[in-house]
N, C-alpha and C. Protein backbone atom coordinates (compact mmCIF):
# COMPACT_ATOMS: atom_id res chain seq x y z
N MET A 1 -3.20 -7.37 14.61
CA MET A 1 -2.78 -6.12 14.31
C MET A 1 -2.94 -5.95 12.78
N LEU A 2 -3.52 -5.06 12.39
CA LEU A 2 -4.07 -4.16 10.81
C LEU A 2 -3.08 -3.40 10.46
N THR A 3 -2.19 -3.72 9.66
CA THR A 3 -1.11 -2.63 9.19
C THR A 3 -1.50 -2.02 7.54
N ILE A 4 -1.63 -0.68 7.38
CA ILE A 4 -1.83 -0.29 6.16
C ILE A 4 -0.92 0.38 5.69
N ILE A 5 -0.20 0.30 4.70
CA ILE A 5 0.86 1.00 4.38
C ILE A 5 0.81 1.80 2.58
N GLY A 6 1.11 3.09 2.77
CA GLY A 6 0.84 3.70 1.14
C GLY A 6 2.18 3.74 0.92
N CYS A 7 2.10 3.28 -0.78
CA CYS A 7 4.01 3.40 -1.25
C CYS A 7 3.63 4.30 -2.78
N GLY A 8 4.81 5.21 -2.78
CA GLY A 8 4.77 5.69 -3.96
C GLY A 8 5.72 6.94 -3.88
N ASN A 9 5.55 7.27 -5.06
CA ASN A 9 6.69 8.95 -4.52
C ASN A 9 5.57 10.11 -5.23
N LEU A 10 5.37 10.98 -4.45
CA LEU A 10 4.58 12.09 -4.57
C LEU A 10 4.87 13.29 -5.79
N ASN A 11 6.34 12.77 -5.94
CA ASN A 11 6.78 13.83 -6.92
C ASN A 11 6.75 13.54 -8.58
N ARG A 12 5.76 12.18 -8.60
CA ARG A 12 5.72 12.05 -10.09
C ARG A 12 4.18 11.67 -9.88
N SER A 13 3.45 12.64 -9.97
CA SER A 13 1.76 12.62 -10.19
C SER A 13 0.84 11.41 -9.56
N ASP A 14 0.45 10.27 -10.49
CA ASP A 14 -0.37 9.43 -10.01
C ASP A 14 0.34 8.26 -9.17
N ASP A 15 1.65 8.68 -9.12
CA ASP A 15 2.40 7.47 -8.25
C ASP A 15 2.28 7.92 -6.89
N GLY A 16 1.82 8.87 -6.34
CA GLY A 16 1.70 9.42 -5.60
C GLY A 16 0.24 9.08 -4.57
N VAL A 17 -0.40 8.32 -5.28
CA VAL A 17 -1.88 7.96 -4.76
C VAL A 17 -1.79 6.85 -3.62
N GLY A 18 -0.60 6.09 -3.55
CA GLY A 18 -0.87 5.45 -2.12
C GLY A 18 -0.57 6.14 -0.68
N ILE A 19 0.30 7.40 -0.98
CA ILE A 19 0.72 7.94 -0.04
C ILE A 19 -0.61 8.87 0.30
N ILE A 20 -1.72 9.34 -0.98
CA ILE A 20 -2.98 10.23 -0.50
C ILE A 20 -3.68 9.59 -0.30
N VAL A 21 -3.57 8.40 -0.27
CA VAL A 21 -5.03 7.59 0.30
C VAL A 21 -4.59 7.19 2.10
N VAL A 22 -3.41 6.71 2.34
CA VAL A 22 -3.24 6.76 3.53
C VAL A 22 -3.32 7.86 4.49
N ARG A 23 -3.08 9.32 4.13
CA ARG A 23 -3.10 10.95 4.45
C ARG A 23 -4.88 10.58 4.56
N ARG A 24 -5.57 10.19 3.73
CA ARG A 24 -6.93 10.24 3.92
C ARG A 24 -7.34 9.74 4.78
N LEU A 25 -6.96 8.50 4.61
CA LEU A 25 -7.60 7.04 6.17
C LEU A 25 -7.00 7.93 7.42
N LEU A 26 -5.98 8.94 7.42
CA LEU A 26 -5.43 9.33 8.73
C LEU A 26 -6.36 10.48 9.07
N GLU A 27 -6.95 11.26 7.93
CA GLU A 27 -7.66 12.13 8.46
C GLU A 27 -9.13 11.55 8.95
N LYS A 28 -9.28 10.80 8.66
CA LYS A 28 -10.83 10.01 8.52
C LYS A 28 -10.86 9.29 9.84
N ILE A 29 -9.69 8.53 10.65
CA ILE A 29 -9.62 8.19 11.52
C ILE A 29 -9.42 9.08 13.16
N ARG A 30 -9.17 10.15 12.56
CA ARG A 30 -8.43 11.01 13.98
C ARG A 30 -9.57 10.60 14.66
N GLY A 31 -9.24 10.72 16.16
CA GLY A 31 -10.18 11.04 17.00
C GLY A 31 -10.59 9.67 17.68
N LYS A 32 -10.88 8.63 16.56
CA LYS A 32 -11.72 7.50 16.72
C LYS A 32 -10.70 6.67 17.41
N ASP A 33 -11.44 5.75 18.51
CA ASP A 33 -10.82 5.15 19.40
C ASP A 33 -10.62 3.90 18.59
N LEU A 34 -9.47 3.27 17.80
CA LEU A 34 -9.26 2.10 16.94
C LEU A 34 -8.00 1.48 17.53
N LYS A 35 -8.37 -0.14 17.71
CA LYS A 35 -7.38 -0.91 18.56
C LYS A 35 -6.61 -1.42 17.23
N ASN A 36 -5.32 -1.97 17.51
CA ASN A 36 -4.87 -2.56 16.54
C ASN A 36 -4.69 -2.08 15.20
N ILE A 37 -4.57 -0.81 14.86
CA ILE A 37 -4.39 -0.35 13.57
C ILE A 37 -3.58 0.40 13.23
N GLN A 38 -2.56 0.15 12.46
CA GLN A 38 -1.27 1.40 12.27
C GLN A 38 -1.25 1.40 10.57
N ILE A 39 -0.94 2.98 10.16
CA ILE A 39 -1.13 3.26 9.03
C ILE A 39 0.34 4.04 8.77
N PHE A 40 0.73 4.04 7.66
CA PHE A 40 2.22 4.53 7.51
C PHE A 40 2.18 4.93 6.00
N ASP A 41 3.29 5.52 5.67
CA ASP A 41 3.49 6.25 4.50
C ASP A 41 4.84 5.80 4.15
N ALA A 42 5.34 4.84 3.09
CA ALA A 42 6.39 4.34 3.38
C ALA A 42 7.04 5.02 2.13
N GLY A 43 6.14 5.65 0.92
CA GLY A 43 7.17 6.27 0.29
C GLY A 43 7.27 4.94 -1.03
N THR A 44 9.19 5.34 -1.38
CA THR A 44 9.66 4.31 -1.98
C THR A 44 10.70 2.94 -1.05
N ASP A 45 9.98 2.80 -0.02
CA ASP A 45 11.73 2.20 1.16
C ASP A 45 10.71 1.03 0.98
N GLY A 46 11.18 -0.36 -0.09
CA GLY A 46 10.73 -0.97 0.24
C GLY A 46 10.98 -1.99 1.33
N MET A 47 11.78 -1.74 2.10
CA MET A 47 12.63 -2.70 3.23
C MET A 47 11.92 -2.15 4.52
N GLY A 48 11.68 -0.64 4.28
CA GLY A 48 10.73 0.16 5.34
C GLY A 48 9.25 -0.76 5.56
N VAL A 49 9.06 -1.30 4.05
CA VAL A 49 7.35 -1.85 4.27
C VAL A 49 7.71 -3.06 4.58
N MET A 50 8.70 -3.98 4.53
CA MET A 50 9.05 -5.09 4.68
C MET A 50 9.20 -4.98 6.75
N PHE A 51 9.68 -4.19 7.29
CA PHE A 51 9.76 -3.95 8.66
C PHE A 51 8.56 -3.53 9.12
N LYS A 52 7.71 -2.53 8.59
CA LYS A 52 6.42 -2.14 9.25
C LYS A 52 5.44 -3.00 9.29
N ALA A 53 5.89 -4.01 8.38
CA ALA A 53 4.80 -5.29 8.02
C ALA A 53 4.85 -6.41 9.45
N ARG A 54 6.17 -6.14 9.88
CA ARG A 54 6.28 -7.45 10.89
C ARG A 54 5.38 -7.33 12.29
N GLY A 55 4.84 -8.54 12.55
CA GLY A 55 4.15 -8.55 13.53
C GLY A 55 2.92 -8.36 13.43
N SER A 56 2.30 -8.16 12.40
CA SER A 56 0.78 -7.91 11.92
C SER A 56 0.24 -9.42 11.53
N ASP A 57 -1.23 -9.11 11.81
CA ASP A 57 -1.63 -10.41 11.23
C ASP A 57 -2.43 -10.28 9.46
N SER A 58 -2.85 -8.92 9.41
CA SER A 58 -2.97 -8.42 8.15
C SER A 58 -2.26 -7.27 7.75
N LEU A 59 -2.27 -7.21 6.65
CA LEU A 59 -1.43 -5.96 5.79
C LEU A 59 -2.40 -5.68 4.32
N ILE A 60 -2.34 -4.47 4.53
CA ILE A 60 -3.09 -3.77 3.30
C ILE A 60 -1.77 -2.70 2.43
N ILE A 61 -1.55 -2.98 1.46
CA ILE A 61 -0.91 -1.83 0.62
C ILE A 61 -1.50 -1.15 -0.74
N ILE A 62 -1.12 0.34 -0.91
CA ILE A 62 -1.89 0.75 -1.94
C ILE A 62 -0.91 0.85 -2.25
N ASP A 63 -0.73 1.18 -3.54
CA ASP A 63 0.48 1.87 -4.96
C ASP A 63 -0.56 1.98 -6.15
N ALA A 64 0.53 2.85 -7.05
CA ALA A 64 -0.11 2.93 -8.15
C ALA A 64 0.13 1.85 -9.24
N GLY A 65 -0.43 1.59 -10.03
CA GLY A 65 0.30 0.49 -10.89
C GLY A 65 0.35 1.25 -12.17
N ASN A 66 1.03 0.47 -13.14
CA ASN A 66 1.32 0.63 -14.63
C ASN A 66 0.95 -0.29 -15.77
N THR A 67 -0.15 -0.67 -16.07
CA THR A 67 -0.59 -2.36 -16.61
C THR A 67 -1.11 -2.02 -17.89
N GLY A 68 -1.25 -0.64 -18.39
CA GLY A 68 -1.59 -0.50 -19.74
C GLY A 68 -3.55 -0.24 -19.56
N SER A 69 -3.73 -0.79 -18.34
CA SER A 69 -5.08 -0.39 -18.00
C SER A 69 -5.86 0.92 -18.09
N GLN A 70 -7.45 0.93 -18.12
CA GLN A 70 -8.43 1.82 -17.88
C GLN A 70 -7.26 3.28 -16.80
N PRO A 71 -7.16 4.45 -16.94
CA PRO A 71 -6.81 5.01 -15.88
C PRO A 71 -7.84 5.10 -14.89
N GLY A 72 -7.46 5.23 -13.28
CA GLY A 72 -8.21 4.92 -12.35
C GLY A 72 -9.27 3.69 -12.13
N ALA A 73 -8.20 2.59 -12.74
CA ALA A 73 -8.91 1.44 -12.60
C ALA A 73 -8.10 0.75 -10.91
N VAL A 74 -9.19 0.25 -10.32
CA VAL A 74 -8.75 -0.31 -8.89
C VAL A 74 -8.90 -1.58 -8.83
N PHE A 75 -7.67 -2.50 -8.79
CA PHE A 75 -7.53 -3.85 -8.54
C PHE A 75 -6.95 -3.97 -7.48
N GLU A 76 -7.55 -4.76 -6.87
CA GLU A 76 -7.59 -5.74 -5.05
C GLU A 76 -7.11 -7.12 -5.72
N VAL A 77 -5.98 -7.34 -5.03
CA VAL A 77 -5.20 -8.32 -5.69
C VAL A 77 -4.42 -8.89 -4.40
N PRO A 78 -4.57 -10.32 -4.20
CA PRO A 78 -3.97 -10.83 -3.02
C PRO A 78 -2.30 -10.75 -3.08
N GLY A 79 -2.06 -10.44 -2.05
CA GLY A 79 -0.20 -10.04 -1.65
C GLY A 79 0.55 -11.27 -2.28
N HIS A 80 0.09 -12.30 -2.02
CA HIS A 80 1.22 -13.65 -2.59
C HIS A 80 1.19 -14.01 -4.07
N GLU A 81 0.17 -13.15 -4.55
CA GLU A 81 0.34 -13.01 -6.44
C GLU A 81 1.32 -12.11 -6.57
N LEU A 82 1.42 -11.41 -6.29
CA LEU A 82 2.49 -10.27 -6.51
C LEU A 82 3.89 -10.23 -5.77
N GLU A 83 4.10 -11.16 -4.83
CA GLU A 83 4.98 -11.06 -4.17
C GLU A 83 6.36 -11.79 -5.42
N GLY A 84 7.55 -11.06 -4.95
CA GLY A 84 8.77 -11.10 -6.27
C GLY A 84 9.79 -11.25 -5.36
N LYS A 85 10.51 -11.71 -5.73
CA LYS A 85 11.88 -12.34 -5.49
C LYS A 85 13.26 -11.27 -5.28
N PRO A 86 13.82 -10.81 -4.73
CA PRO A 86 14.72 -9.37 -4.74
C PRO A 86 15.58 -9.60 -5.99
N PRO A 87 16.36 -8.61 -6.64
CA PRO A 87 17.01 -8.97 -7.40
C PRO A 87 18.51 -9.53 -6.61
N ASP A 88 19.27 -10.31 -7.13
CA ASP A 88 20.67 -10.64 -6.55
C ASP A 88 21.38 -9.12 -6.26
N SER A 89 21.47 -8.04 -6.47
CA SER A 89 22.07 -6.90 -6.00
C SER A 89 21.71 -6.23 -5.11
N PHE A 90 20.79 -6.40 -4.43
CA PHE A 90 20.27 -6.03 -3.04
C PHE A 90 20.69 -4.59 -2.71
N ASN A 91 20.85 -3.62 -3.99
CA ASN A 91 20.63 -2.36 -4.08
C ASN A 91 19.36 -1.61 -3.41
N LEU A 92 19.58 -1.05 -2.62
CA LEU A 92 18.29 -0.73 -1.44
C LEU A 92 17.02 0.18 -2.42
N HIS A 93 17.70 0.90 -3.71
CA HIS A 93 16.75 1.51 -4.64
C HIS A 93 16.10 0.48 -5.48
N ASP A 94 16.47 -0.81 -5.73
CA ASP A 94 15.75 -1.88 -6.65
C ASP A 94 14.94 -2.42 -5.75
N PHE A 95 15.27 -2.75 -4.21
CA PHE A 95 14.24 -3.37 -3.17
C PHE A 95 12.70 -2.55 -2.92
N ARG A 96 11.63 -3.09 -3.98
CA ARG A 96 10.22 -2.64 -3.41
C ARG A 96 9.59 -3.24 -2.75
N TRP A 97 8.41 -3.09 -3.09
CA TRP A 97 7.24 -3.50 -1.73
C TRP A 97 7.05 -5.20 -2.05
N ASP A 98 7.12 -5.22 -3.45
CA ASP A 98 6.72 -6.58 -3.91
C ASP A 98 7.73 -7.55 -3.65
N HIS A 99 9.38 -7.28 -3.15
CA HIS A 99 10.45 -7.59 -2.49
C HIS A 99 10.24 -7.85 -1.17
N ALA A 100 9.36 -6.99 -0.81
CA ALA A 100 9.44 -7.09 0.77
C ALA A 100 8.53 -8.03 1.52
N LEU A 101 7.69 -8.58 0.21
CA LEU A 101 6.63 -9.16 0.83
C LEU A 101 6.97 -10.89 0.99
N TYR A 102 8.39 -11.13 -0.49
CA TYR A 102 9.08 -12.61 -0.63
C TYR A 102 9.98 -12.37 0.90
N ALA A 103 10.45 -10.98 1.01
CA ALA A 103 11.94 -11.50 1.77
C ALA A 103 11.05 -11.64 3.22
N GLY A 104 10.14 -10.95 3.47
CA GLY A 104 9.50 -10.43 5.17
C GLY A 104 9.16 -12.15 5.47
N ARG A 105 8.75 -12.86 4.52
CA ARG A 105 7.76 -13.66 4.55
C ARG A 105 9.09 -15.32 4.91
N LYS A 106 9.95 -15.05 4.27
CA LYS A 106 11.23 -15.57 4.48
C LYS A 106 11.88 -15.70 5.63
N ILE A 107 11.98 -14.06 5.70
CA ILE A 107 13.01 -13.75 7.10
C ILE A 107 12.20 -13.88 8.49
N PHE A 108 10.84 -13.61 8.48
CA PHE A 108 10.05 -13.35 9.78
C PHE A 108 9.21 -14.64 10.08
N LYS A 109 8.95 -15.35 8.93
CA LYS A 109 8.15 -16.36 8.83
C LYS A 109 6.80 -16.44 9.60
N GLN A 110 6.65 -17.14 10.79
CA GLN A 110 5.05 -16.69 11.44
C GLN A 110 4.99 -15.40 11.72
N ASP A 111 5.90 -14.56 12.10
CA ASP A 111 5.76 -12.99 12.51
C ASP A 111 5.62 -12.25 11.43
N PHE A 112 5.00 -12.38 10.10
CA PHE A 112 4.74 -11.64 9.21
C PHE A 112 3.24 -12.27 8.74
N PRO A 113 2.62 -10.67 8.35
CA PRO A 113 1.09 -11.44 7.87
C PRO A 113 1.15 -12.37 7.14
N LYS A 114 -0.05 -13.19 7.34
CA LYS A 114 -0.93 -14.55 6.41
C LYS A 114 -1.46 -13.76 5.75
N GLU A 115 -2.58 -12.73 6.04
CA GLU A 115 -3.56 -11.95 5.05
C GLU A 115 -2.58 -10.75 4.50
N ILE A 116 -2.68 -10.73 3.10
CA ILE A 116 -2.15 -8.87 2.73
C ILE A 116 -2.75 -9.09 1.43
N THR A 117 -3.30 -7.93 1.33
CA THR A 117 -4.12 -7.54 0.12
C THR A 117 -3.57 -6.45 -0.23
N VAL A 118 -3.61 -5.91 -1.74
CA VAL A 118 -2.70 -4.78 -2.29
C VAL A 118 -3.93 -4.26 -3.15
N PHE A 119 -3.82 -3.02 -2.88
CA PHE A 119 -4.83 -2.24 -3.80
C PHE A 119 -4.00 -1.54 -4.95
N LEU A 120 -4.12 -1.97 -6.30
CA LEU A 120 -3.20 -1.02 -7.14
C LEU A 120 -4.50 -0.23 -7.82
N VAL A 121 -4.19 1.38 -7.94
CA VAL A 121 -5.17 2.27 -8.88
C VAL A 121 -4.04 2.77 -10.09
N GLU A 122 -4.85 2.01 -11.29
CA GLU A 122 -4.11 2.34 -12.50
C GLU A 122 -3.41 3.42 -12.62
N ALA A 123 -2.29 3.75 -12.71
CA ALA A 123 -1.74 5.65 -13.14
C ALA A 123 -2.13 5.99 -14.53
N GLU A 124 -2.59 7.06 -14.59
CA GLU A 124 -2.54 8.17 -15.78
C GLU A 124 -1.44 8.97 -16.29
N MET A 125 -0.76 9.56 -15.29
CA MET A 125 0.30 10.33 -15.27
C MET A 125 1.24 10.10 -14.83
N LEU A 126 2.61 9.88 -14.69
CA LEU A 126 4.31 9.06 -14.40
C LEU A 126 4.81 10.57 -13.95
N GLU A 127 4.66 11.37 -14.83
CA GLU A 127 5.69 12.32 -15.09
C GLU A 127 5.84 13.42 -13.81
N LEU A 128 6.86 14.08 -14.10
CA LEU A 128 7.27 15.19 -12.46
C LEU A 128 5.91 15.40 -12.49
N GLY A 129 5.30 15.68 -11.17
CA GLY A 129 3.91 16.32 -11.19
C GLY A 129 3.64 16.46 -9.59
N LEU A 130 2.82 17.39 -8.97
CA LEU A 130 2.48 17.09 -7.69
C LEU A 130 1.21 16.65 -7.34
N GLU A 131 0.26 16.44 -8.59
CA GLU A 131 -1.55 16.49 -8.52
C GLU A 131 -1.70 15.18 -9.25
N LEU A 132 -2.77 14.60 -8.56
CA LEU A 132 -2.76 13.17 -9.22
C LEU A 132 -3.91 13.49 -10.09
N SER A 133 -4.11 12.72 -11.35
CA SER A 133 -5.12 12.81 -12.11
C SER A 133 -6.94 12.95 -12.05
N ASP A 134 -7.63 13.33 -12.85
CA ASP A 134 -8.56 13.48 -12.32
C ASP A 134 -9.35 11.93 -11.65
N ALA A 135 -9.12 10.85 -12.90
CA ALA A 135 -9.17 9.36 -12.70
C ALA A 135 -8.79 9.23 -11.58
N VAL A 136 -7.25 9.33 -11.04
CA VAL A 136 -6.57 8.24 -10.14
C VAL A 136 -7.19 9.14 -8.65
N LEU A 137 -7.41 10.14 -8.78
CA LEU A 137 -8.19 10.99 -7.85
C LEU A 137 -9.69 10.48 -7.13
N ALA A 138 -10.35 9.94 -8.35
CA ALA A 138 -11.64 9.50 -8.27
C ALA A 138 -11.32 8.06 -7.77
N ALA A 139 -10.56 7.38 -8.27
CA ALA A 139 -9.99 6.37 -7.58
C ALA A 139 -9.78 6.09 -6.38
N SER A 140 -9.34 7.09 -5.70
CA SER A 140 -8.73 7.03 -4.56
C SER A 140 -9.49 6.79 -3.40
N ASP A 141 -10.67 7.75 -4.09
CA ASP A 141 -11.77 7.75 -3.00
C ASP A 141 -12.67 6.08 -2.72
N ILE A 142 -12.79 5.23 -3.93
CA ILE A 142 -13.03 4.01 -4.05
C ILE A 142 -11.92 3.39 -2.72
N VAL A 143 -10.57 3.30 -2.99
CA VAL A 143 -9.70 2.70 -2.22
C VAL A 143 -10.01 3.29 -0.70
N VAL A 144 -10.12 4.37 -0.37
CA VAL A 144 -10.49 5.21 1.05
C VAL A 144 -12.14 3.93 1.80
N GLY A 145 -12.64 4.24 0.80
CA GLY A 145 -13.94 3.73 1.30
C GLY A 145 -13.74 2.43 1.48
N LYS A 146 -13.24 1.29 0.52
CA LYS A 146 -12.69 0.18 0.97
C LYS A 146 -12.13 -0.34 2.13
N ILE A 147 -11.22 0.72 2.35
CA ILE A 147 -10.10 0.40 3.46
C ILE A 147 -10.87 0.66 4.63
N ILE A 148 -11.74 1.95 4.76
CA ILE A 148 -12.38 2.35 6.03
C ILE A 148 -13.28 1.03 6.22
N GLU A 149 -14.03 0.21 5.24
CA GLU A 149 -14.43 -0.53 5.84
C GLU A 149 -13.57 -1.86 6.81
N ARG A 150 -12.82 -2.08 5.82
CA ARG A 150 -11.92 -2.82 6.52
C ARG A 150 -11.53 -2.49 7.89
N ILE A 151 -11.20 -1.81 8.20
CA ILE A 151 -11.03 -1.25 9.57
C ILE A 151 -11.64 -1.26 10.48
N GLU A 152 -13.32 -1.07 10.26
CA GLU A 152 -14.37 -1.03 10.62
C GLU A 152 -14.45 -2.48 11.59
N THR A 153 -14.50 -3.32 10.11
CA THR A 153 -14.45 -4.86 10.36
C THR A 153 -13.60 -5.37 11.32
N TYR A 154 -12.41 -5.01 11.22
CA TYR A 154 -11.12 -5.39 12.10
C TYR A 154 -11.39 -4.70 13.16
N ASN A 155 -11.56 -3.79 13.14
CA ASN A 155 -11.53 -2.87 14.92
C ASN A 155 -12.64 -3.61 15.52
N GLY A 156 -13.93 -4.25 15.06
CA GLY A 156 -15.13 -5.03 15.69
C GLY A 156 -14.90 -6.43 16.06
N LYS A 157 -13.82 -6.97 15.72
CA LYS A 157 -13.28 -8.33 16.11
C LYS A 157 -12.98 -8.15 17.51
């Protein structure tokens, strides 16, 4: 199973890019006979990422980044490089997808994806707003294209 999860907050401009990407993916694959592919909008629910990923062979996460890089830059990073131990507080508001990768691997062991890719799109605007910046919107096209290629490759197995 290939699981694709978009993360972010649609009310904070570019932070919604992960959700926009998964919505566009769902539009592109509508009506196609794809086996073993599931696509989810996790919003800001890190715990949801952990449970949706369970049982998958391969996982793709899409989210906004805020590293100071050029807005719209796309980073494709192996998940193991980004997973992080959750804070000791276990406040669900502080439990993010990077914590979900760490905790999911510990809790679900062999039932958690071995192959994890994270697409991060560098944000330009993170203020309250409903629209993506032009740079992030253009970058979302790139990410959608890369993931469609992965879906086609995975579905051909």
